[in-house]
Structure formats: structure tokens, C-alpha cells
PDB file of N, CA and C in Angstrom:
ATOM      1  N   MET A   1     -11.157 -32.113-128.364  1.00  0.00           N
ATOM      2  CA  MET A   1     -12.296 -31.613-129.200  1.00  0.00           C
ATOM      3  C   MET A   1     -12.945 -30.574-127.422  1.00  0.00           C
ATOM      4  N   ARG A   2     -13.355 -29.604-127.632  1.00  0.00           N
ATOM      5  CA  ARG A   2     -13.612 -28.626-126.719  1.00  0.00           C
ATOM      6  C   ARG A   2     -15.341 -28.638-126.496  1.00  0.00           C
ATOM      7  N   GLY A   3     -16.114 -29.745-127.431  1.00  0.00           N
ATOM      8  CA  GLY A   3     -17.395 -29.760-127.095  1.00  0.00           C
ATOM      9  C   GLY A   3     -17.993 -29.633-128.845  1.00  0.00           C
ATOM     10  N   TRP A   4     -17.591 -28.505-129.047  1.00  0.00           N
ATOM     11  CA  TRP A   4     -18.152 -27.832-130.447  1.00  0.00           C
ATOM     12  C   TRP A   4     -17.437 -27.196-131.469  1.00  0.00           C
ATOM     13  N   TYR A   5     -15.862 -27.332-131.171  1.00  0.00           N
ATOM     14  CA  TYR A   5     -15.070 -27.331-132.261  1.00  0.00           C
ATOM     15  C   TYR A   5     -13.290 -27.891-132.070  1.00  0.00           C
ATOM     16  N   GLU A   6     -12.995 -28.526-132.872  1.00  0.00           N
ATOM     17  CA  GLU A   6     -11.634 -29.110-132.518  1.00  0.00           C
ATOM     18  C   GLU A   6     -10.539 -28.319-132.173  1.00  0.00           C
ATOM     19  N   THR A   7     -10.248 -28.209-130.931  1.00  0.00           N
ATOM     20  CA  THR A   7      -9.181 -27.231-130.247  1.00  0.00           C
ATOM     21  C   THR A   7      -7.984 -27.620-131.176  1.00  0.00           C
ATOM     22  N   ASN A   8      -7.656 -29.280-131.522  1.00  0.00           N
ATOM     23  CA  ASN A   8      -6.386 -29.379-132.077  1.00  0.00           C
ATOM     24  C   ASN A   8      -6.291 -29.545-133.563  1.00  0.00           C
ATOM     25  N   ALA A   9      -7.108 -28.575-134.206  1.00  0.00           N
ATOM     26  CA  ALA A   9      -7.053 -28.494-135.627  1.00  0.00           C
ATOM     27  C   ALA A   9      -5.892 -27.823-135.767  1.00  0.00           C
ATOM     28  N   PRO A  10      -5.278 -27.945-136.906  1.00  0.00           N
ATOM     29  CA  PRO A  10      -4.040 -27.297-137.517  1.00  0.00           C
ATOM     30  C   PRO A  10      -4.475 -25.781-137.456  1.00  0.00           C
ATOM     31  N   LYS A  11      -3.350 -24.760-137.305  1.00  0.00           N
ATOM     32  CA  LYS A  11      -3.551 -23.453-137.575  1.00  0.00           C
ATOM     33  C   LYS A  11      -3.574 -23.111-138.842  1.00  0.00           C
ATOM     34  N   LYS A  12      -4.277 -22.136-139.127  1.00  0.00           N
ATOM     35  CA  LYS A  12      -4.169 -21.564-140.448  1.00  0.00           C
ATOM     36  C   LYS A  12      -3.707 -20.050-140.703  1.00  0.00           C
ATOM     37  N   ALA A  13      -2.822 -19.925-141.204  1.00  0.00           N
ATOM     38  CA  ALA A  13      -2.636 -18.324-141.334  1.00  0.00           C
ATOM     39  C   ALA A  13      -3.503 -17.475-142.325  1.00  0.00           C
ATOM     40  N   VAL A  14      -4.039 -16.462-141.822  1.00  0.00           N
ATOM     41  CA  VAL A  14      -4.838 -15.479-142.223  1.00  0.00           C
ATOM     42  C   VAL A  14      -4.363 -14.182-142.014  1.00  0.00           C
ATOM     43  N   ASN A  15      -4.732 -13.241-143.054  1.00  0.00           N
ATOM     44  CA  ASN A  15      -4.462 -11.546-143.088  1.00  0.00           C
ATOM     45  C   ASN A  15      -5.589 -10.988-142.312  1.00  0.00           C
ATOM     46  N   LEU A  16      -5.443 -10.269-141.436  1.00  0.00           N
ATOM     47  CA  LEU A  16      -6.556  -9.126-140.691  1.00  0.00           C
ATOM     48  C   LEU A  16      -6.229  -8.035-140.806  1.00  0.00           C
ATOM     49  N   THR A  17      -7.097  -7.112-140.874  1.00  0.00           N
ATOM     50  CA  THR A  17      -6.948  -5.557-140.786  1.00  0.00           C
ATOM     51  C   THR A  17      -7.447  -5.093-139.246  1.00  0.00           C
ATOM     52  N   LEU A  18      -6.548  -4.497-138.478  1.00  0.00           N
ATOM     53  CA  LEU A  18      -6.628  -4.089-137.303  1.00  0.00           C
ATOM     54  C   LEU A  18      -6.321  -2.543-137.057  1.00  0.00           C
ATOM     55  N   ASN A  19      -7.350  -2.067-136.263  1.00  0.00           N
ATOM     56  CA  ASN A  19      -6.805  -0.648-135.908  1.00  0.00           C
ATOM     57  C   ASN A  19      -5.210  -0.547-135.532  1.00  0.00           C
ATOM     58  N   SER A  20      -4.927   0.474-135.839  1.00  0.00           N
ATOM     59  CA  SER A  20      -3.445   0.456-135.754  1.00  0.00           C
ATOM     60  C   SER A  20      -2.957   0.971-134.484  1.00  0.00           C
ATOM     61  N   ASP A  21      -3.573   1.667-133.686  1.00  0.00           N
ATOM     62  CA  ASP A  21      -3.191   2.136-132.437  1.00  0.00           C
ATOM     63  C   ASP A  21      -3.513   0.617-131.310  1.00  0.00           C
ATOM     64  N   LEU A  22      -4.436   0.185-131.573  1.00  0.00           N
ATOM     65  CA  LEU A  22      -4.771  -0.962-130.921  1.00  0.00           C
ATOM     66  C   LEU A  22      -3.838  -2.133-131.054  1.00  0.00           C
ATOM     67  N   LEU A  23      -2.902  -2.162-132.412  1.00  0.00           N
ATOM     68  CA  LEU A  23      -1.957  -3.174-132.559  1.00  0.00           C
ATOM     69  C   LEU A  23      -1.011  -2.993-131.988  1.00  0.00           C
ATOM     70  N   LYS A  24      -0.817  -1.681-132.289  1.00  0.00           N
ATOM     71  CA  LYS A  24       0.619  -1.080-131.212  1.00  0.00           C
ATOM     72  C   LYS A  24       0.467  -0.932-129.733  1.00  0.00           C
ATOM     73  N   GLN A  25      -0.364  -1.290-129.292  1.00  0.00           N
ATOM     74  CA  GLN A  25      -0.888  -0.833-128.136  1.00  0.00           C
ATOM     75  C   GLN A  25      -0.734  -2.231-127.224  1.00  0.00           C
ATOM     76  N   SER A  26      -1.208  -3.361-128.449  1.00  0.00           N
ATOM     77  CA  SER A  26      -1.089  -4.837-127.862  1.00  0.00           C
ATOM     78  C   SER A  26       0.296  -5.447-128.076  1.00  0.00           C
ATOM     79  N   ARG A  27       0.747  -5.052-129.060  1.00  0.00           N
ATOM     80  CA  ARG A  27       2.604  -5.358-129.384  1.00  0.00           C
ATOM     81  C   ARG A  27       3.259  -4.857-128.378  1.00  0.00           C
ATOM     82  N   ALA A  28       3.283  -3.640-127.753  1.00  0.00           N
ATOM     83  CA  ALA A  28       3.622  -3.088-126.674  1.00  0.00           C
ATOM     84  C   ALA A  28       3.757  -3.725-125.348  1.00  0.00           C
ATOM     85  N   LEU A  29       2.515  -4.357-125.495  1.00  0.00           N
ATOM     86  CA  LEU A  29       2.268  -5.180-124.093  1.00  0.00           C
ATOM     87  C   LEU A  29       2.783  -6.782-124.100  1.00  0.00           C
ATOM     88  N   GLY A  30       2.944  -7.025-125.590  1.00  0.00           N
ATOM     89  CA  GLY A  30       3.213  -8.240-125.439  1.00  0.00           C
ATOM     90  C   GLY A  30       2.032  -9.348-125.874  1.00  0.00           C
ATOM     91  N   LEU A  31       1.048  -8.996-125.990  1.00  0.00           N
ATOM     92  CA  LEU A  31      -0.157  -9.666-126.202  1.00  0.00           C
ATOM     93  C   LEU A  31      -0.171 -10.844-127.536  1.00  0.00           C
ATOM     94  N   ASN A  32      -0.450 -11.997-127.333  1.00  0.00           N
ATOM     95  CA  ASN A  32      -0.659 -13.108-128.244  1.00  0.00           C
ATOM     96  C   ASN A  32      -1.700 -12.464-129.113  1.00  0.00           C
ATOM     97  N   LEU A  33      -1.408 -12.008-130.472  1.00  0.00           N
ATOM     98  CA  LEU A  33      -2.486 -11.520-131.288  1.00  0.00           C
ATOM     99  C   LEU A  33      -3.399 -12.531-131.608  1.00  0.00           C
ATOM    100  N   SER A  34      -2.869 -13.725-132.148  1.00  0.00           N
ATOM    101  CA  SER A  34      -3.267 -14.988-132.361  1.00  0.00           C
ATOM    102  C   SER A  34      -4.270 -15.764-131.362  1.00  0.00           C
ATOM    103  N   ALA A  35      -3.732 -15.731-130.275  1.00  0.00           N
ATOM    104  CA  ALA A  35      -4.448 -16.497-129.430  1.00  0.00           C
ATOM    105  C   ALA A  35      -5.664 -15.596-128.891  1.00  0.00           C
ATOM    106  N   LEU A  36      -5.659 -14.304-128.615  1.00  0.00           N
ATOM    107  CA  LEU A  36      -6.778 -13.127-128.570  1.00  0.00           C
ATOM    108  C   LEU A  36      -7.651 -13.492-129.633  1.00  0.00           C
ATOM    109  N   ALA A  37      -7.628 -13.579-130.865  1.00  0.00           N
ATOM    110  CA  ALA A  37      -8.257 -13.589-132.001  1.00  0.00           C
ATOM    111  C   ALA A  37      -8.952 -14.808-131.704  1.00  0.00           C
ATOM    112  N   GLU A  38      -8.342 -16.016-132.051  1.00  0.00           N
ATOM    113  CA  GLU A  38      -8.764 -17.038-131.899  1.00  0.00           C
ATOM    114  C   GLU A  38      -9.994 -17.017-130.738  1.00  0.00           C
ATOM    115  N   ALA A  39      -9.382 -16.580-129.576  1.00  0.00           N
ATOM    116  CA  ALA A  39     -10.593 -16.773-128.448  1.00  0.00           C
ATOM    117  C   ALA A  39     -12.075 -15.600-128.695  1.00  0.00           C
ATOM    118  N   ALA A  40     -11.425 -14.724-129.205  1.00  0.00           N
ATOM    119  CA  ALA A  40     -12.590 -13.673-129.387  1.00  0.00           C
ATOM    120  C   ALA A  40     -13.643 -14.315-130.491  1.00  0.00           C
ATOM    121  N   ILE A  41     -12.962 -15.100-131.390  1.00  0.00           N
ATOM    122  CA  ILE A  41     -13.637 -15.742-132.649  1.00  0.00           C
ATOM    123  C   ILE A  41     -14.693 -16.934-132.208  1.00  0.00           C
ATOM    124  N   ALA A  42     -13.953 -17.691-131.053  1.00  0.00           N
ATOM    125  CA  ALA A  42     -14.683 -18.955-130.481  1.00  0.00           C
ATOM    126  C   ALA A  42     -15.973 -18.423-129.536  1.00  0.00           C
ATOM    127  N   LYS A  43     -15.848 -17.186-129.181  1.00  0.00           N
ATOM    128  CA  LYS A  43     -16.563 -16.340-128.304  1.00  0.00           C
ATOM    129  C   LYS A  43     -17.848 -16.329-128.821  1.00  0.00           C
ATOM    130  N   ALA A  44     -17.496 -15.457-130.173  1.00  0.00           N
ATOM    131  CA  ALA A  44     -18.761 -14.875-130.863  1.00  0.00           C
ATOM    132  C   ALA A  44     -19.606 -16.124-131.810  1.00  0.00           C
ATOM    133  N   LEU A  45     -18.808 -17.035-132.151  1.00  0.00           N
ATOM    134  CA  LEU A  45     -19.555 -18.433-132.219  1.00  0.00           C
ATOM    135  C   LEU A  45     -20.260 -19.173-131.529  1.00  0.00           C
ATOM    136  N   GLN A  46     -19.758 -18.937-130.424  1.00  0.00           N
ATOM    137  CA  GLN A  46     -20.341 -19.809-129.058  1.00  0.00           C
ATOM    138  C   GLN A  46     -21.889 -19.083-128.927  1.00  0.00           C
ATOM    139  N   ASP A  47     -21.576 -17.403-128.806  1.00  0.00           N
ATOM    140  CA  ASP A  47     -22.662 -16.472-128.410  1.00  0.00           C
ATOM    141  C   ASP A  47     -23.783 -16.603-129.881  1.00  0.00           C
ATOM    142  N   PHE A  48     -23.299 -16.634-130.941  1.00  0.00           N
ATOM    143  CA  PHE A  48     -24.254 -17.055-132.221  1.00  0.00           C
ATOM    144  C   PHE A  48     -24.810 -18.340-132.193  1.00  0.00           C
ATOM    145  N   ARG A  49     -24.300 -19.333-131.767  1.00  0.00           N
ATOM    146  CA  ARG A  49     -24.796 -20.441-131.327  1.00  0.00           C
ATOM    147  C   ARG A  49     -25.948 -20.677-130.478  1.00  0.00           C
ATOM    148  N   ALA A  50     -25.543 -19.902-129.652  1.00  0.00           N
ATOM    149  CA  ALA A  50     -26.552 -20.048-128.244  1.00  0.00           C
ATOM    150  C   ALA A  50     -27.709 -19.069-128.961  1.00  0.00           C
ATOM    151  N   GLU A  51     -27.599 -18.346-129.171  1.00  0.00           N
ATOM    152  CA  GLU A  51     -28.744 -17.478-129.998  1.00  0.00           C
ATOM    153  C   GLU A  51     -29.349 -18.222-130.877  1.00  0.00           C
ATOM    154  N   GLU A  52     -29.063 -18.822-131.769  1.00  0.00           N
ATOM    155  CA  GLU A  52     -29.391 -19.624-133.143  1.00  0.00           C
ATOM    156  C   GLU A  52     -30.369 -20.809-132.314  1.00  0.00           C
ATOM    157  N   TRP A  53     -29.653 -21.313-131.272  1.00  0.00           N
ATOM    158  CA  TRP A  53     -30.627 -22.514-130.425  1.00  0.00           C
ATOM    159  C   TRP A  53     -31.546 -21.973-129.834  1.00  0.00           C
ATOM    160  N   LEU A  54     -31.794 -20.843-129.398  1.00  0.00           N
ATOM    161  CA  LEU A  54     -32.913 -20.037-128.759  1.00  0.00           C
ATOM    162  C   LEU A  54     -33.916 -19.829-130.021  1.00  0.00           C
ATOM    163  N   ARG A  55     -33.337 -19.145-130.981  1.00  0.00           N
ATOM    164  CA  ARG A  55     -34.232 -18.996-131.775  1.00  0.00           C
ATOM    165  C   ARG A  55     -34.984 -20.092-132.665  1.00  0.00           C
ATOM    166  N   GLU A  56     -34.342 -21.264-132.929  1.00  0.00           N
ATOM    167  CA  GLU A  56     -34.806 -22.257-133.292  1.00  0.00           C
ATOM    168  C   GLU A  56     -35.739 -23.155-132.399  1.00  0.00           C
ATOM    169  N   ASN A  57     -35.690 -22.758-130.909  1.00  0.00           N
ATOM    170  CA  ASN A  57     -36.208 -23.959-130.101  1.00  0.00           C
ATOM    171  C   ASN A  57     -37.250 -22.567-129.270  1.00  0.00           C
ATOM    172  N   ALA A  58     -37.516 -21.739-129.812  1.00  0.00           N
ATOM    173  CA  ALA A  58     -38.577 -20.782-128.802  1.00  0.00           C
ATOM    174  C   ALA A  58     -39.849 -21.075-128.473  1.00  0.00           C
ATOM    175  N   GLU A  59     -40.400 -21.840-129.838  1.00  0.00           N
ATOM    176  CA  GLU A  59     -41.634 -22.624-129.830  1.00  0.00           C
ATOM    177  C   GLU A  59     -41.635 -23.483-128.739  1.00  0.00           C
ATOM    178  N   ALA A  60     -40.950 -24.564-128.469  1.00  0.00           N
ATOM    179  CA  ALA A  60     -40.953 -25.371-127.557  1.00  0.00           C
ATOM    180  C   ALA A  60     -40.552 -24.781-126.273  1.00  0.00           C
ATOM    181  N   ILE A  61     -39.867 -23.894-126.210  1.00  0.00           N
ATOM    182  CA  ILE A  61     -39.472 -23.648-124.675  1.00  0.00           C
ATOM    183  C   ILE A  61     -40.947 -22.478-124.468  1.00  0.00           C
ATOM    184  N   ARG A  62     -41.334 -21.966-125.018  1.00  0.00           N
ATOM    185  CA  ARG A  62     -42.722 -21.399-124.497  1.00  0.00           C
ATOM    186  C   ARG A  62     -43.900 -22.366-124.310  1.00  0.00           C
ATOM    187  N   ALA A  63     -43.930 -23.401-125.162  1.00  0.00           N
ATOM    188  CA  ALA A  63     -44.732 -24.307-124.904  1.00  0.00           C
ATOM    189  C   ALA A  63     -44.392 -25.010-123.590  1.00  0.00           C
ATOM    190  N   TYR A  64     -43.377 -25.495-123.428  1.00  0.00           N
ATOM    191  CA  TYR A  64     -42.846 -25.912-122.028  1.00  0.00           C
ATOM    192  C   TYR A  64     -43.164 -24.821-120.960  1.00  0.00           C
ATOM    193  N   ASN A  65     -42.891 -23.643-121.136  1.00  0.00           N
ATOM    194  CA  ASN A  65     -43.218 -22.673-119.931  1.00  0.00           C
ATOM    195  C   ASN A  65     -44.709 -22.815-119.789  1.00  0.00           C
ATOM    196  N   GLU A  66     -45.508 -22.723-120.726  1.00  0.00           N
ATOM    197  CA  GLU A  66     -46.833 -22.749-120.645  1.00  0.00           C
ATOM    198  C   GLU A  66     -46.995 -23.842-119.745  1.00  0.00           C
ATOM    199  N   HIS A  67     -46.704 -24.869-120.111  1.00  0.00           N
ATOM    200  CA  HIS A  67     -47.254 -26.137-119.436  1.00  0.00           C
ATOM    201  C   HIS A  67     -46.820 -26.383-117.725  1.00  0.00           C
ATOM    202  N   VAL A  68     -45.739 -25.906-117.483  1.00  0.00           N
ATOM    203  CA  VAL A  68     -45.141 -25.670-116.029  1.00  0.00           C
ATOM    204  C   VAL A  68     -46.052 -24.490-115.655  1.00  0.00           C
ATOM    205  N   GLU A  69     -46.797 -23.489-116.291  1.00  0.00           N
ATOM    206  CA  GLU A  69     -47.155 -22.591-115.513  1.00  0.00           C
ATOM    207  C   GLU A  69     -48.643 -23.170-115.085  1.00  0.00           C
ATOM    208  N   ARG A  70     -49.129 -24.112-115.837  1.00  0.00           N
ATOM    209  CA  ARG A  70     -50.626 -24.639-115.905  1.00  0.00           C
ATOM    210  C   ARG A  70     -50.329 -25.818-114.837  1.00  0.00           C
ATOM    211  N   GLN A  71     -49.608 -26.617-115.065  1.00  0.00           N
ATOM    212  CA  GLN A  71     -49.369 -28.109-114.437  1.00  0.00           C
ATOM    213  C   GLN A  71     -48.446 -28.031-113.235  1.00  0.00           C
ATOM    214  N   GLY A  72     -47.633 -27.257-113.171  1.00  0.00           N
ATOM    215  CA  GLY A  72     -46.307 -27.174-112.407  1.00  0.00           C
ATOM    216  C   GLY A  72     -45.412 -28.140-112.678  1.00  0.00           C
ATOM    217  N   VAL A  73     -44.449 -28.630-112.074  1.00  0.00           N
ATOM    218  CA  VAL A  73     -43.412 -29.458-112.505  1.00  0.00           C
ATOM    219  C   VAL A  73     -43.513 -30.995-111.294  1.00  0.00           C
ATOM    220  N   PHE A  74     -43.149 -31.929-111.808  1.00  0.00           N
ATOM    221  CA  PHE A  74     -43.054 -33.106-110.971  1.00  0.00           C
ATOM    222  C   PHE A  74     -42.598 -33.184-109.589  1.00  0.00           C
ATOM    223  N   SER A  75     -41.965 -32.499-108.863  1.00  0.00           N
ATOM    224  CA  SER A  75     -41.519 -32.261-108.083  1.00  0.00           C
ATOM    225  C   SER A  75     -41.909 -31.092-107.228  1.00  0.00           C
ATOM    226  N   ASP A  76     -43.292 -30.459-107.609  1.00  0.00           N
ATOM    227  CA  ASP A  76     -43.549 -29.603-106.702  1.00  0.00           C
ATOM    228  C   ASP A  76     -43.994 -29.749-105.219  1.00  0.00           C
ATOM    229  N   GLY A  77     -44.689 -31.075-105.301  1.00  0.00           N
ATOM    230  CA  GLY A  77     -44.604 -31.498-103.710  1.00  0.00           C
ATOM    231  C   GLY A  77     -43.817 -32.175-103.020  1.00  0.00           C
ATOM    232  N   MET A  78     -42.473 -32.161-103.787  1.00  0.00           N
ATOM    233  CA  MET A  78     -41.557 -32.523-102.763  1.00  0.00           C
ATOM    234  C   MET A  78     -40.523 -31.501-102.346  1.00  0.00           C
ATOM    235  N   ARG A  79     -40.620 -30.700-102.757  1.00  0.00           N
ATOM    236  CA  ARG A  79     -39.925 -29.444-102.415  1.00  0.00           C
ATOM    237  C   ARG A  79     -39.528 -29.344-100.982  1.00  0.00           C
ATOM    238  N   SER A  80     -38.527 -29.174-100.347  1.00  0.00           N
ATOM    239  CA  SER A  80     -38.262 -28.726 -98.883  1.00  0.00           C
ATOM    240  C   SER A  80     -38.030 -27.144 -98.497  1.00  0.00           C
ATOM    241  N   PHE A  81     -37.878 -26.453 -99.691  1.00  0.00           N
ATOM    242  CA  PHE A  81     -37.207 -25.162 -99.830  1.00  0.00           C
ATOM    243  C   PHE A  81     -38.373 -24.148-100.376  1.00  0.00           C
TER     244      PHE A  81
END
């Protein structure tokens, strides 16, 4: 498990429609299209989930930032930098 998805899950065949020039150039370079697609999808999902988390927690983040602005943090007097 990679934390948020099962990396050892079985592979599943799918059909994709790709730009023909991208396909031609990537095949000429010997790129692994399955691995590239999987990495791109994983990155897109990770980005989406991060944005979703920020949206869901926006109020708590705002409240915490306001609290720190007013009260500071517990270690303010202990910093040596």
C-alpha cells in the first residue's frame, strides 16, 4: 500500500483514446504508456484529494490561523532563531 491506494492491486485492461502524434512519439521512444498513464492518474488523484481536503478543512484552517495570529504558538518564547 502506498498510503492512499493499493500499489499491488491487480492490473485491469482499459481502452484509452490518445492523441495520435503523442502515441507515435512515445512509442518511438519506447516509453511505457501503461506506467506513464498510471503515474499521471495517481498524481491527478493525489492533487484532487489534497484540494478536497483543503476545501473540507478550510474553516478549521482559517480558525487556527486566526488563533495563532491572536495568541501565537506555545513555543514563541522558546525560539532561538
